[in-house]
């Protein structure tokens, strides 16, 4: 019995290292497959490249839990506005973000008849511009990449201002300037 125990102990570290290596390889391969080669990832990348306006039924801006640009969902169904947003997203450039600090954040959802695409948009305050984190489930899921396009920020800010004006036609009543 002691001889068997000694033999197993001598193989123990090798077995652990080999098992750990196999597990790491499996996780790495499945992650790369999910992000690059899965059918969903290919469709998502194609959508972002083409941004087919005729297939987009509506665009929805959704609030982020902290430092949100908006307080409630904003539905955009105006074809001209959807085209403007799609044009800006068509020109996204891959970007390697370095711990961005956000002035504001929101989620953007492109609704098609059979699928939603989108992710997180943030205006940074440390010189990285407007960043878009493309996600498999819009709010969370696999990260399909980080992109930058600074023209997106002013478009979304304008939409948020217009929506706020509709909600509060007299301005923001919580401002001391607007109180009497």
Foldseek 3Di string as FASTA:
>chain_A
DVVVVVVCVVCVVVVVVVVVVVVVVVVVVVLCCVQPPDPLNVVQVVCLQCVPLVQFQWKKKAFDPPLALADHIDIGRPSVLSVVLSVQSNPWDADDDDPFAFNHKIFMWGDGPPDIWTAMWGAGDPPPAIKGFTASRSYDHDTNGITHGRVNVVSVNVVRVVVVCVVPVQPDCVDPVSDD
